[in-house]
Amino acid sequence: TVYLQMRSLKPEDTAVYYCAADVAGWRFPAQYYND
């Protein structure tokens, strides 16, 4: 399980939040995440 603790939330944080897994490396762009 992975968690995201969000504090001091702002209206600009309003969004759909997605969890994703990268099976190939330590990367950050969304395109590299597999699932």
PDB file of all heavy atoms in Angstrom:
ATOM      1  N   THR A   1       0.825  -1.193   0.000  1.00  0.00           N
ATOM      2  CA  THR A   1       0.000   0.000   0.000  1.00  0.00           C
ATOM      3  C   THR A   1       0.867   1.254   0.000  1.00  0.00           C
ATOM      4  O   THR A   1       1.885   1.313   0.697  1.00  0.00           O
ATOM      5  CB  THR A   1      -0.932   0.018   1.219  1.00  0.00           C
ATOM      6  OG1 THR A   1      -1.773  -1.136   1.187  1.00  0.00           O
ATOM      7  CG2 THR A   1      -1.805   1.265   1.223  1.00  0.00           C
ATOM      8  N   VAL A   2       0.460   2.225  -0.780  1.00  0.00           N
ATOM      9  CA  VAL A   2       1.112   3.520  -0.795  1.00  0.00           C
ATOM     10  C   VAL A   2       0.103   4.563  -0.348  1.00  0.00           C
ATOM     11  O   VAL A   2      -1.098   4.448  -0.621  1.00  0.00           O
ATOM     12  CB  VAL A   2       1.684   3.845  -2.193  1.00  0.00           C
ATOM     13  CG1 VAL A   2       0.577   3.954  -3.230  1.00  0.00           C
ATOM     14  CG2 VAL A   2       2.520   5.112  -2.154  1.00  0.00           C
ATOM     15  N   TYR A   3       0.591   5.574   0.348  1.00  0.00           N
ATOM     16  CA  TYR A   3      -0.264   6.604   0.912  1.00  0.00           C
ATOM     17  C   TYR A   3       0.162   7.977   0.415  1.00  0.00           C
ATOM     18  O   TYR A   3       1.323   8.206   0.088  1.00  0.00           O
ATOM     19  CB  TYR A   3      -0.194   6.599   2.437  1.00  0.00           C
ATOM     20  CG  TYR A   3      -0.495   5.260   3.064  1.00  0.00           C
ATOM     21  CD1 TYR A   3       0.527   4.370   3.373  1.00  0.00           C
ATOM     22  CD2 TYR A   3      -1.804   4.890   3.348  1.00  0.00           C
ATOM     23  CE1 TYR A   3       0.252   3.144   3.945  1.00  0.00           C
ATOM     24  CE2 TYR A   3      -2.086   3.663   3.922  1.00  0.00           C
ATOM     25  CZ  TYR A   3      -1.053   2.792   4.222  1.00  0.00           C
ATOM     26  OH  TYR A   3      -1.327   1.572   4.789  1.00  0.00           O
ATOM     27  N   LEU A   4      -0.783   8.871   0.395  1.00  0.00           N
ATOM     28  CA  LEU A   4      -0.494  10.273   0.151  1.00  0.00           C
ATOM     29  C   LEU A   4      -1.194  11.077   1.227  1.00  0.00           C
ATOM     30  O   LEU A   4      -2.417  11.213   1.208  1.00  0.00           O
ATOM     31  CB  LEU A   4      -0.956  10.715  -1.236  1.00  0.00           C
ATOM     32  CG  LEU A   4      -0.560  12.142  -1.622  1.00  0.00           C
ATOM     33  CD1 LEU A   4       0.958  12.249  -1.787  1.00  0.00           C
ATOM     34  CD2 LEU A   4      -1.264  12.584  -2.899  1.00  0.00           C
ATOM     35  N   GLN A   5      -0.413  11.569   2.169  1.00  0.00           N
ATOM     36  CA  GLN A   5      -0.942  12.432   3.211  1.00  0.00           C
ATOM     37  C   GLN A   5      -0.920  13.864   2.698  1.00  0.00           C
ATOM     38  O   GLN A   5       0.148  14.391   2.380  1.00  0.00           O
ATOM     39  CB  GLN A   5      -0.112  12.310   4.488  1.00  0.00           C
ATOM     40  CG  GLN A   5      -0.578  13.203   5.623  1.00  0.00           C
ATOM     41  CD  GLN A   5      -1.937  12.807   6.154  1.00  0.00           C
ATOM     42  OE1 GLN A   5      -2.141  11.668   6.559  1.00  0.00           O
ATOM     43  NE2 GLN A   5      -2.879  13.745   6.141  1.00  0.00           N
ATOM     44  N   MET A   6      -2.077  14.475   2.628  1.00  0.00           N
ATOM     45  CA  MET A   6      -2.212  15.816   2.091  1.00  0.00           C
ATOM     46  C   MET A   6      -2.605  16.761   3.221  1.00  0.00           C
ATOM     47  O   MET A   6      -3.595  16.527   3.909  1.00  0.00           O
ATOM     48  CB  MET A   6      -3.254  15.852   0.975  1.00  0.00           C
ATOM     49  CG  MET A   6      -2.972  14.863  -0.155  1.00  0.00           C
ATOM     50  SD  MET A   6      -4.161  15.000  -1.517  1.00  0.00           S
ATOM     51  CE  MET A   6      -5.645  14.436  -0.683  1.00  0.00           C
ATOM     52  N   ARG A   7      -1.839  17.801   3.386  1.00  0.00           N
ATOM     53  CA  ARG A   7      -2.078  18.794   4.414  1.00  0.00           C
ATOM     54  C   ARG A   7      -2.178  20.182   3.784  1.00  0.00           C
ATOM     55  O   ARG A   7      -1.719  20.403   2.680  1.00  0.00           O
ATOM     56  CB  ARG A   7      -0.960  18.782   5.453  1.00  0.00           C
ATOM     57  CG  ARG A   7      -0.735  17.440   6.129  1.00  0.00           C
ATOM     58  CD  ARG A   7       0.445  17.506   7.090  1.00  0.00           C
ATOM     59  NE  ARG A   7       0.692  16.239   7.757  1.00  0.00           N
ATOM     60  CZ  ARG A   7       1.456  15.267   7.268  1.00  0.00           C
ATOM     61  NH1 ARG A   7       2.066  15.423   6.107  1.00  0.00           N
ATOM     62  NH2 ARG A   7       1.624  14.142   7.950  1.00  0.00           N
ATOM     63  N   SER A   8      -2.743  21.100   4.546  1.00  0.00           N
ATOM     64  CA  SER A   8      -2.877  22.480   4.083  1.00  0.00           C
ATOM     65  C   SER A   8      -3.452  22.535   2.672  1.00  0.00           C
ATOM     66  O   SER A   8      -2.933  23.224   1.791  1.00  0.00           O
ATOM     67  CB  SER A   8      -1.519  23.188   4.139  1.00  0.00           C
ATOM     68  OG  SER A   8      -1.009  23.210   5.458  1.00  0.00           O
ATOM     69  N   LEU A   9      -4.518  21.819   2.483  1.00  0.00           N
ATOM     70  CA  LEU A   9      -5.104  21.709   1.157  1.00  0.00           C
ATOM     71  C   LEU A   9      -5.651  23.048   0.676  1.00  0.00           C
ATOM     72  O   LEU A   9      -6.177  23.845   1.458  1.00  0.00           O
ATOM     73  CB  LEU A   9      -6.204  20.656   1.153  1.00  0.00           C
ATOM     74  CG  LEU A   9      -5.688  19.216   1.148  1.00  0.00           C
ATOM     75  CD1 LEU A   9      -6.788  18.254   1.571  1.00  0.00           C
ATOM     76  CD2 LEU A   9      -5.157  18.850  -0.234  1.00  0.00           C
ATOM     77  N   LYS A  10      -5.517  23.260  -0.611  1.00  0.00           N
ATOM     78  CA  LYS A  10      -5.970  24.466  -1.269  1.00  0.00           C
ATOM     79  C   LYS A  10      -7.019  24.113  -2.312  1.00  0.00           C
ATOM     80  O   LYS A  10      -7.043  22.988  -2.815  1.00  0.00           O
ATOM     81  CB  LYS A  10      -4.797  25.168  -1.963  1.00  0.00           C
ATOM     82  CG  LYS A  10      -3.609  25.463  -1.064  1.00  0.00           C
ATOM     83  CD  LYS A  10      -2.454  26.014  -1.881  1.00  0.00           C
ATOM     84  CE  LYS A  10      -1.244  26.284  -1.018  1.00  0.00           C
ATOM     85  NZ  LYS A  10      -0.109  26.802  -1.830  1.00  0.00           N
ATOM     86  N   PRO A  11      -7.882  25.059  -2.659  1.00  0.00           N
ATOM     87  CA  PRO A  11      -8.836  24.788  -3.739  1.00  0.00           C
ATOM     88  C   PRO A  11      -8.165  24.328  -5.028  1.00  0.00           C
ATOM     89  O   PRO A  11      -8.749  23.531  -5.773  1.00  0.00           O
ATOM     90  CB  PRO A  11      -9.553  26.129  -3.923  1.00  0.00           C
ATOM     91  CG  PRO A  11      -9.486  26.760  -2.576  1.00  0.00           C
ATOM     92  CD  PRO A  11      -8.136  26.359  -2.029  1.00  0.00           C
ATOM     93  N   GLU A  12      -6.960  24.803  -5.275  1.00  0.00           N
ATOM     94  CA  GLU A  12      -6.224  24.408  -6.467  1.00  0.00           C
ATOM     95  C   GLU A  12      -5.833  22.938  -6.459  1.00  0.00           C
ATOM     96  O   GLU A  12      -5.436  22.403  -7.497  1.00  0.00           O
ATOM     97  CB  GLU A  12      -4.957  25.257  -6.623  1.00  0.00           C
ATOM     98  CG  GLU A  12      -5.210  26.753  -6.639  1.00  0.00           C
ATOM     99  CD  GLU A  12      -5.144  27.350  -5.248  1.00  0.00           C
ATOM    100  OE1 GLU A  12      -4.024  27.640  -4.777  1.00  0.00           O
ATOM    101  OE2 GLU A  12      -6.220  27.534  -4.635  1.00  0.00           O
ATOM    102  N   ASP A  13      -5.921  22.290  -5.311  1.00  0.00           N
ATOM    103  CA  ASP A  13      -5.632  20.864  -5.221  1.00  0.00           C
ATOM    104  C   ASP A  13      -6.795  20.004  -5.683  1.00  0.00           C
ATOM    105  O   ASP A  13      -6.660  18.778  -5.773  1.00  0.00           O
ATOM    106  CB  ASP A  13      -5.265  20.480  -3.786  1.00  0.00           C
ATOM    107  CG  ASP A  13      -3.995  21.152  -3.307  1.00  0.00           C
ATOM    108  OD1 ASP A  13      -3.030  21.242  -4.099  1.00  0.00           O
ATOM    109  OD2 ASP A  13      -3.963  21.591  -2.142  1.00  0.00           O
ATOM    110  N   THR A  14      -7.925  20.617  -5.945  1.00  0.00           N
ATOM    111  CA  THR A  14      -9.099  19.872  -6.394  1.00  0.00           C
ATOM    112  C   THR A  14      -8.795  19.173  -7.714  1.00  0.00           C
ATOM    113  O   THR A  14      -8.404  19.811  -8.693  1.00  0.00           O
ATOM    114  CB  THR A  14     -10.299  20.801  -6.554  1.00  0.00           C
ATOM    115  OG1 THR A  14     -10.657  21.342  -5.276  1.00  0.00           O
ATOM    116  CG2 THR A  14     -11.493  20.047  -7.124  1.00  0.00           C
ATOM    117  N   ALA A  15      -8.967  17.870  -7.725  1.00  0.00           N
ATOM    118  CA  ALA A  15      -8.653  17.079  -8.908  1.00  0.00           C
ATOM    119  C   ALA A  15      -9.019  15.629  -8.640  1.00  0.00           C
ATOM    120  O   ALA A  15      -9.328  15.245  -7.510  1.00  0.00           O
ATOM    121  CB  ALA A  15      -7.168  17.182  -9.259  1.00  0.00           C
ATOM    122  N   VAL A  16      -8.962  14.840  -9.692  1.00  0.00           N
ATOM    123  CA  VAL A  16      -8.991  13.394  -9.537  1.00  0.00           C
ATOM    124  C   VAL A  16      -7.559  12.937  -9.321  1.00  0.00           C
ATOM    125  O   VAL A  16      -6.673  13.261 -10.114  1.00  0.00           O
ATOM    126  CB  VAL A  16      -9.600  12.694 -10.759  1.00  0.00           C
ATOM    127  CG1 VAL A  16      -9.533  11.181 -10.597  1.00  0.00           C
ATOM    128  CG2 VAL A  16     -11.046  13.139 -10.962  1.00  0.00           C
ATOM    129  N   TYR A  17      -7.339  12.202  -8.265  1.00  0.00           N
ATOM    130  CA  TYR A  17      -6.009  11.728  -7.928  1.00  0.00           C
ATOM    131  C   TYR A  17      -5.865  10.265  -8.315  1.00  0.00           C
ATOM    132  O   TYR A  17      -6.720   9.434  -7.998  1.00  0.00           O
ATOM    133  CB  TYR A  17      -5.736  11.908  -6.434  1.00  0.00           C
ATOM    134  CG  TYR A  17      -5.424  13.336  -6.073  1.00  0.00           C
ATOM    135  CD1 TYR A  17      -6.424  14.304  -6.086  1.00  0.00           C
ATOM    136  CD2 TYR A  17      -4.126  13.717  -5.747  1.00  0.00           C
ATOM    137  CE1 TYR A  17      -6.131  15.625  -5.782  1.00  0.00           C
ATOM    138  CE2 TYR A  17      -3.832  15.036  -5.437  1.00  0.00           C
ATOM    139  CZ  TYR A  17      -4.836  15.988  -5.453  1.00  0.00           C
ATOM    140  OH  TYR A  17      -4.542  17.293  -5.148  1.00  0.00           O
ATOM    141  N   TYR A  18      -4.777   9.977  -8.999  1.00  0.00           N
ATOM    142  CA  TYR A  18      -4.513   8.639  -9.493  1.00  0.00           C
ATOM    143  C   TYR A  18      -3.239   8.075  -8.878  1.00  0.00           C
ATOM    144  O   TYR A  18      -2.237   8.774  -8.764  1.00  0.00           O
ATOM    145  CB  TYR A  18      -4.333   8.642 -11.013  1.00  0.00           C
ATOM    146  CG  TYR A  18      -5.545   9.078 -11.790  1.00  0.00           C
ATOM    147  CD1 TYR A  18      -5.729  10.412 -12.137  1.00  0.00           C
ATOM    148  CD2 TYR A  18      -6.499   8.153 -12.194  1.00  0.00           C
ATOM    149  CE1 TYR A  18      -6.831  10.822 -12.862  1.00  0.00           C
ATOM    150  CE2 TYR A  18      -7.606   8.552 -12.926  1.00  0.00           C
ATOM    151  CZ  TYR A  18      -7.765   9.884 -13.251  1.00  0.00           C
ATOM    152  OH  TYR A  18      -8.862  10.279 -13.979  1.00  0.00           O
ATOM    153  N   CYS A  19      -3.298   6.837  -8.523  1.00  0.00           N
ATOM    154  CA  CYS A  19      -2.130   6.084  -8.110  1.00  0.00           C
ATOM    155  C   CYS A  19      -1.621   5.299  -9.310  1.00  0.00           C
ATOM    156  O   CYS A  19      -2.413   4.785 -10.107  1.00  0.00           O
ATOM    157  CB  CYS A  19      -2.503   5.136  -6.966  1.00  0.00           C
ATOM    158  SG  CYS A  19      -1.167   4.065  -6.394  1.00  0.00           S
ATOM    159  N   ALA A  20      -0.311   5.211  -9.450  1.00  0.00           N
ATOM    160  CA  ALA A  20       0.265   4.510 -10.584  1.00  0.00           C
ATOM    161  C   ALA A  20       1.528   3.769 -10.171  1.00  0.00           C
ATOM    162  O   ALA A  20       2.223   4.170  -9.241  1.00  0.00           O
ATOM    163  CB  ALA A  20       0.582   5.492 -11.713  1.00  0.00           C
ATOM    164  N   ALA A  21       1.803   2.691 -10.879  1.00  0.00           N
ATOM    165  CA  ALA A  21       2.978   1.869 -10.628  1.00  0.00           C
ATOM    166  C   ALA A  21       3.905   1.899 -11.829  1.00  0.00           C
ATOM    167  O   ALA A  21       3.462   1.768 -12.970  1.00  0.00           O
ATOM    168  CB  ALA A  21       2.576   0.436 -10.314  1.00  0.00           C
ATOM    169  N   ASP A  22       5.171   2.060 -11.548  1.00  0.00           N
ATOM    170  CA  ASP A  22       6.220   2.001 -12.555  1.00  0.00           C
ATOM    171  C   ASP A  22       7.022   0.745 -12.283  1.00  0.00           C
ATOM    172  O   ASP A  22       7.625   0.622 -11.216  1.00  0.00           O
ATOM    173  CB  ASP A  22       7.095   3.255 -12.471  1.00  0.00           C
ATOM    174  CG  ASP A  22       8.160   3.323 -13.551  1.00  0.00           C
ATOM    175  OD1 ASP A  22       8.375   2.329 -14.268  1.00  0.00           O
ATOM    176  OD2 ASP A  22       8.797   4.391 -13.681  1.00  0.00           O
ATOM    177  N   VAL A  23       7.026  -0.170 -13.216  1.00  0.00           N
ATOM    178  CA  VAL A  23       7.730  -1.436 -13.025  1.00  0.00           C
ATOM    179  C   VAL A  23       9.119  -1.426 -13.632  1.00  0.00           C
ATOM    180  O   VAL A  23       9.833  -2.422 -13.539  1.00  0.00           O
ATOM    181  CB  VAL A  23       6.923  -2.613 -13.601  1.00  0.00           C
ATOM    182  CG1 VAL A  23       5.562  -2.695 -12.935  1.00  0.00           C
ATOM    183  CG2 VAL A  23       6.782  -2.485 -15.115  1.00  0.00           C
ATOM    184  N   ALA A  24       9.530  -0.320 -14.223  1.00  0.00           N
ATOM    185  CA  ALA A  24      10.778  -0.295 -14.969  1.00  0.00           C
ATOM    186  C   ALA A  24      11.855   0.602 -14.395  1.00  0.00           C
ATOM    187  O   ALA A  24      13.017   0.478 -14.785  1.00  0.00           O
ATOM    188  CB  ALA A  24      10.511   0.103 -16.422  1.00  0.00           C
ATOM    189  N   GLY A  25      11.492   1.522 -13.511  1.00  0.00           N
ATOM    190  CA  GLY A  25      12.521   2.404 -12.999  1.00  0.00           C
ATOM    191  C   GLY A  25      12.011   3.449 -12.037  1.00  0.00           C
ATOM    192  O   GLY A  25      10.846   3.442 -11.624  1.00  0.00           O
ATOM    193  N   TRP A  26      12.882   4.335 -11.675  1.00  0.00           N
ATOM    194  CA  TRP A  26      12.611   5.437 -10.763  1.00  0.00           C
ATOM    195  C   TRP A  26      12.449   6.674 -11.630  1.00  0.00           C
ATOM    196  O   TRP A  26      13.406   7.404 -11.903  1.00  0.00           O
ATOM    197  CB  TRP A  26      13.772   5.539  -9.782  1.00  0.00           C
ATOM    198  CG  TRP A  26      13.786   6.664  -8.800  1.00  0.00           C
ATOM    199  CD1 TRP A  26      14.854   7.468  -8.517  1.00  0.00           C
ATOM    200  CD2 TRP A  26      12.732   7.104  -7.933  1.00  0.00           C
ATOM    201  NE1 TRP A  26      14.540   8.366  -7.544  1.00  0.00           N
ATOM    202  CE2 TRP A  26      13.241   8.178  -7.155  1.00  0.00           C
ATOM    203  CE3 TRP A  26      11.417   6.697  -7.739  1.00  0.00           C
ATOM    204  CZ2 TRP A  26      12.463   8.841  -6.205  1.00  0.00           C
ATOM    205  CZ3 TRP A  26      10.641   7.370  -6.798  1.00  0.00           C
ATOM    206  CH2 TRP A  26      11.165   8.418  -6.040  1.00  0.00           C
ATOM    207  N   ARG A  27      11.217   6.882 -12.070  1.00  0.00           N
ATOM    208  CA  ARG A  27      10.911   7.912 -13.046  1.00  0.00           C
ATOM    209  C   ARG A  27       9.674   8.680 -12.622  1.00  0.00           C
ATOM    210  O   ARG A  27       8.921   8.251 -11.750  1.00  0.00           O
ATOM    211  CB  ARG A  27      10.720   7.290 -14.432  1.00  0.00           C
ATOM    212  CG  ARG A  27      11.916   6.447 -14.864  1.00  0.00           C
ATOM    213  CD  ARG A  27      11.702   5.748 -16.186  1.00  0.00           C
ATOM    214  NE  ARG A  27      10.678   4.715 -16.111  1.00  0.00           N
ATOM    215  CZ  ARG A  27      10.386   3.876 -17.091  1.00  0.00           C
ATOM    216  NH1 ARG A  27      11.061   3.957 -18.243  1.00  0.00           N
ATOM    217  NH2 ARG A  27       9.441   2.963 -16.943  1.00  0.00           N
ATOM    218  N   PHE A  28       9.439   9.790 -13.267  1.00  0.00           N
ATOM    219  CA  PHE A  28       8.381  10.687 -12.812  1.00  0.00           C
ATOM    220  C   PHE A  28       7.319  11.060 -13.848  1.00  0.00           C
ATOM    221  O   PHE A  28       6.152  11.236 -13.470  1.00  0.00           O
ATOM    222  CB  PHE A  28       9.005  11.954 -12.218  1.00  0.00           C
ATOM    223  CG  PHE A  28      10.085  11.646 -11.228  1.00  0.00           C
ATOM    224  CD1 PHE A  28      11.408  11.946 -11.500  1.00  0.00           C
ATOM    225  CD2 PHE A  28       9.783  11.021 -10.028  1.00  0.00           C
ATOM    226  CE1 PHE A  28      12.409  11.644 -10.594  1.00  0.00           C
ATOM    227  CE2 PHE A  28      10.778  10.704  -9.117  1.00  0.00           C
ATOM    228  CZ  PHE A  28      12.097  11.021  -9.401  1.00  0.00           C
ATOM    229  N   PRO A  29       7.649  11.198 -15.119  1.00  0.00           N
ATOM    230  CA  PRO A  29       6.583  11.512 -16.074  1.00  0.00           C
ATOM    231  C   PRO A  29       5.537  10.412 -16.125  1.00  0.00           C
ATOM    232  O   PRO A  29       5.842   9.221 -16.032  1.00  0.00           O
ATOM    233  CB  PRO A  29       7.329  11.629 -17.405  1.00  0.00           C
ATOM    234  CG  PRO A  29       8.736  11.949 -17.028  1.00  0.00           C
ATOM    235  CD  PRO A  29       8.974  11.190 -15.761  1.00  0.00           C
ATOM    236  N   ALA A  30       4.294  10.812 -16.295  1.00  0.00           N
ATOM    237  CA  ALA A  30       3.188   9.864 -16.282  1.00  0.00           C
ATOM    238  C   ALA A  30       3.325   8.794 -17.349  1.00  0.00           C
ATOM    239  O   ALA A  30       2.876   7.663 -17.156  1.00  0.00           O
ATOM    240  CB  ALA A  30       1.869  10.610 -16.446  1.00  0.00           C
ATOM    241  N   GLN A  31       3.952   9.136 -18.461  1.00  0.00           N
ATOM    242  CA  GLN A  31       4.043   8.204 -19.573  1.00  0.00           C
ATOM    243  C   GLN A  31       4.826   6.949 -19.235  1.00  0.00           C
ATOM    244  O   GLN A  31       4.690   5.939 -19.920  1.00  0.00           O
ATOM    245  CB  GLN A  31       4.677   8.896 -20.779  1.00  0.00           C
ATOM    246  CG  GLN A  31       6.118   9.315 -20.556  1.00  0.00           C
ATOM    247  CD  GLN A  31       6.604  10.291 -21.591  1.00  0.00           C
ATOM    248  OE1 GLN A  31       6.432  11.497 -21.432  1.00  0.00           O
ATOM    249  NE2 GLN A  31       7.196   9.778 -22.662  1.00  0.00           N
ATOM    250  N   TYR A  32       5.649   7.000 -18.204  1.00  0.00           N
ATOM    251  CA  TYR A  32       6.469   5.851 -17.849  1.00  0.00           C
ATOM    252  C   TYR A  32       5.781   4.885 -16.895  1.00  0.00           C
ATOM    253  O   TYR A  32       6.288   3.804 -16.639  1.00  0.00           O
ATOM    254  CB  TYR A  32       7.780   6.314 -17.226  1.00  0.00           C
ATOM    255  CG  TYR A  32       8.686   7.015 -18.207  1.00  0.00           C
ATOM    256  CD1 TYR A  32       8.911   8.382 -18.118  1.00  0.00           C
ATOM    257  CD2 TYR A  32       9.304   6.310 -19.227  1.00  0.00           C
ATOM    258  CE1 TYR A  32       9.739   9.036 -19.018  1.00  0.00           C
ATOM    259  CE2 TYR A  32      10.131   6.951 -20.131  1.00  0.00           C
ATOM    260  CZ  TYR A  32      10.343   8.308 -20.020  1.00  0.00           C
ATOM    261  OH  TYR A  32      11.169   8.947 -20.920  1.00  0.00           O
ATOM    262  N   TYR A  33       4.643   5.257 -16.382  1.00  0.00           N
ATOM    263  CA  TYR A  33       3.940   4.410 -15.434  1.00  0.00           C
ATOM    264  C   TYR A  33       3.048   3.429 -16.172  1.00  0.00           C
ATOM    265  O   TYR A  33       2.348   3.784 -17.123  1.00  0.00           O
ATOM    266  CB  TYR A  33       3.159   5.260 -14.431  1.00  0.00           C
ATOM    267  CG  TYR A  33       4.085   5.894 -13.431  1.00  0.00           C
ATOM    268  CD1 TYR A  33       4.883   6.977 -13.778  1.00  0.00           C
ATOM    269  CD2 TYR A  33       4.197   5.378 -12.141  1.00  0.00           C
ATOM    270  CE1 TYR A  33       5.765   7.533 -12.871  1.00  0.00           C
ATOM    271  CE2 TYR A  33       5.067   5.942 -11.228  1.00  0.00           C
ATOM    272  CZ  TYR A  33       5.851   7.018 -11.603  1.00  0.00           C
ATOM    273  OH  TYR A  33       6.721   7.577 -10.689  1.00  0.00           O
ATOM    274  N   ASN A  34       3.075   2.204 -15.716  1.00  0.00           N
ATOM    275  CA  ASN A  34       2.467   1.101 -16.438  1.00  0.00           C
ATOM    276  C   ASN A  34       1.022   0.829 -16.050  1.00  0.00           C
ATOM    277  O   ASN A  34       0.186   0.539 -16.910  1.00  0.00           O
ATOM    278  CB  ASN A  34       3.286  -0.176 -16.227  1.00  0.00           C
ATOM    279  CG  ASN A  34       4.751   0.010 -16.546  1.00  0.00           C
ATOM    280  OD1 ASN A  34       5.557   0.294 -15.660  1.00  0.00           O
ATOM    281  ND2 ASN A  34       5.099  -0.149 -17.815  1.00  0.00           N
ATOM    282  N   ASP A  35       0.755   0.884 -14.769  1.00  0.00           N
ATOM    283  CA  ASP A  35      -0.553   0.505 -14.258  1.00  0.00           C
ATOM    284  C   ASP A  35      -1.133   1.636 -13.432  1.00  0.00           C
ATOM    285  O   ASP A  35      -0.424   2.275 -12.655  1.00  0.00           O
ATOM    286  CB  ASP A  35      -0.451  -0.775 -13.423  1.00  0.00           C
ATOM    287  CG  ASP A  35       0.113  -1.936 -14.222  1.00  0.00           C
ATOM    288  OD1 ASP A  35      -0.517  -2.321 -15.224  1.00  0.00           O
ATOM    289  OD2 ASP A  35       1.186  -2.453 -13.851  1.00  0.00           O
TER     290      ASP A  35
END
